[in-house]
Amino acid sequence: MAIKELLRRSARENIYEVVLSMSKRSEQILSELTEELRTKLQEINAQEDLTQRGDPEAQQQLQNELQRWVELYRSLPKPTLIALWEKLHEPPVSP
C-alpha cells in the first residue's frame, strides 16, 4: 500500500527515484540529528566544566539533563522512517 502511494506521488512513478530521494533525505536527517546532538553535548560539557568545581546539586541536574537527552535521542524513529513518513505526507507532485 505504501509503495503504491509513493509511486502515485512521484513525478514519473519510478520506484528507484523514490528510493533515491528518500535515501538522500534520510542521510540529511541523520546529519541534522547528529549535529544537534553534538551541539547539545558540547553545551553539557561546558556546563560540566563549570560544575566540576564543587556543587553536587548542579552536577546532579547536569546528569539528569544528559540522561533526558540520551533517552530522547534513543526514542527518535530511525531517519529512514522519518524520510518515509515525510514522503507519504508531502503533497503529490503534479505531472
Protein backbone atom coordinates (compact mmCIF):
# COMPACT_ATOMS: atom_id res chain seq x y z
CA MET A 1 0.00 0.00 0.00
CA ALA A 2 2.73 2.47 0.92
CA ILE A 3 4.71 1.65 -2.22
CA LYS A 4 1.69 2.33 -4.44
CA GLU A 5 1.15 5.63 -2.67
CA LEU A 6 4.81 6.59 -3.06
CA LEU A 7 4.70 5.76 -6.76
CA ARG A 8 1.48 7.71 -7.20
CA ARG A 9 3.06 10.74 -5.58
CA SER A 10 6.28 10.63 -7.62
CA ALA A 11 6.60 12.64 -10.81
CA ARG A 12 7.38 9.70 -13.11
CA GLU A 13 6.15 6.80 -10.99
CA ASN A 14 9.68 5.45 -10.77
CA ILE A 15 10.41 3.49 -7.59
CA TYR A 16 14.16 4.00 -7.95
CA GLU A 17 13.76 7.77 -7.92
CA VAL A 18 11.55 7.50 -4.85
CA VAL A 19 14.07 5.31 -3.02
CA LEU A 20 16.95 7.58 -4.02
CA SER A 21 15.20 10.72 -2.81
CA MET A 22 14.23 9.02 0.46
CA SER A 23 17.82 7.83 0.89
CA LYS A 24 19.18 11.33 0.39
CA ARG A 25 16.61 12.77 2.80
CA SER A 26 17.41 10.06 5.35
CA GLU A 27 21.11 10.96 5.21
CA GLN A 28 20.23 14.63 5.63
CA ILE A 29 18.03 13.87 8.66
CA LEU A 30 20.77 11.75 10.23
CA SER A 31 23.27 14.55 9.68
CA GLU A 32 20.91 17.11 11.26
CA LEU A 33 20.23 14.87 14.27
CA THR A 34 23.92 14.14 14.73
CA GLU A 35 24.81 17.82 14.60
CA GLU A 36 22.04 18.70 17.05
CA LEU A 37 23.22 16.02 19.47
CA ARG A 38 26.86 17.09 19.08
CA THR A 39 25.92 20.71 19.85
CA LYS A 40 23.94 19.69 22.92
CA LEU A 41 26.80 17.51 24.19
CA GLN A 42 29.20 20.44 23.78
CA GLU A 43 26.82 22.61 25.83
CA ILE A 44 26.62 19.93 28.51
CA ASN A 45 30.41 19.53 28.54
CA ALA A 46 30.80 23.28 29.01
CA GLN A 47 28.30 23.20 31.88
CA GLU A 48 30.09 20.19 33.35
CA ASP A 49 33.38 22.08 33.34
CA LEU A 50 31.71 24.83 35.39
CA THR A 51 30.07 22.42 37.85
CA GLN A 52 33.23 20.38 38.46
CA ARG A 53 34.23 23.00 40.97
CA GLY A 54 32.09 21.57 43.72
CA ASP A 55 28.30 21.98 43.54
CA PRO A 56 26.89 18.43 43.84
CA GLU A 57 23.33 19.62 43.16
CA ALA A 58 24.36 21.25 39.90
CA GLN A 59 26.24 18.09 38.94
CA GLN A 60 23.12 16.00 39.58
CA GLN A 61 20.99 18.36 37.48
CA LEU A 62 23.54 18.11 34.69
CA GLN A 63 23.48 14.31 34.86
CA ASN A 64 19.67 14.36 34.73
CA GLU A 65 19.70 16.64 31.68
CA LEU A 66 22.22 14.41 29.95
CA GLN A 67 20.10 11.35 30.70
CA ARG A 68 16.98 13.07 29.27
CA TRP A 69 18.84 13.90 26.06
CA VAL A 70 20.15 10.36 25.69
CA GLU A 71 16.64 8.95 26.20
CA LEU A 72 15.17 11.45 23.73
CA TYR A 73 17.77 10.60 21.11
CA ARG A 74 17.22 6.87 21.56
CA SER A 75 13.45 7.26 21.32
CA LEU A 76 13.54 9.04 17.96
CA PRO A 77 12.49 6.99 14.95
CA LYS A 78 15.18 5.98 12.51
CA PRO A 79 15.96 8.61 9.84
CA THR A 80 14.71 6.25 7.14
CA LEU A 81 11.29 6.06 8.78
CA ILE A 82 11.17 9.84 9.14
CA ALA A 83 12.00 10.21 5.43
CA LEU A 84 9.31 7.67 4.52
CA TRP A 85 6.74 9.50 6.65
CA GLU A 86 7.66 12.82 5.03
CA LYS A 87 7.40 11.29 1.57
CA LEU A 88 3.99 9.79 2.31
CA HIS A 89 2.65 13.04 3.76
CA GLU A 90 4.03 15.60 1.34
CA PRO A 91 1.68 16.92 -1.33
CA PRO A 92 1.71 14.81 -4.51
CA VAL A 93 3.83 16.03 -7.42
CA SER A 94 1.80 17.31 -10.36
CA PRO A 95 2.57 15.57 -13.69
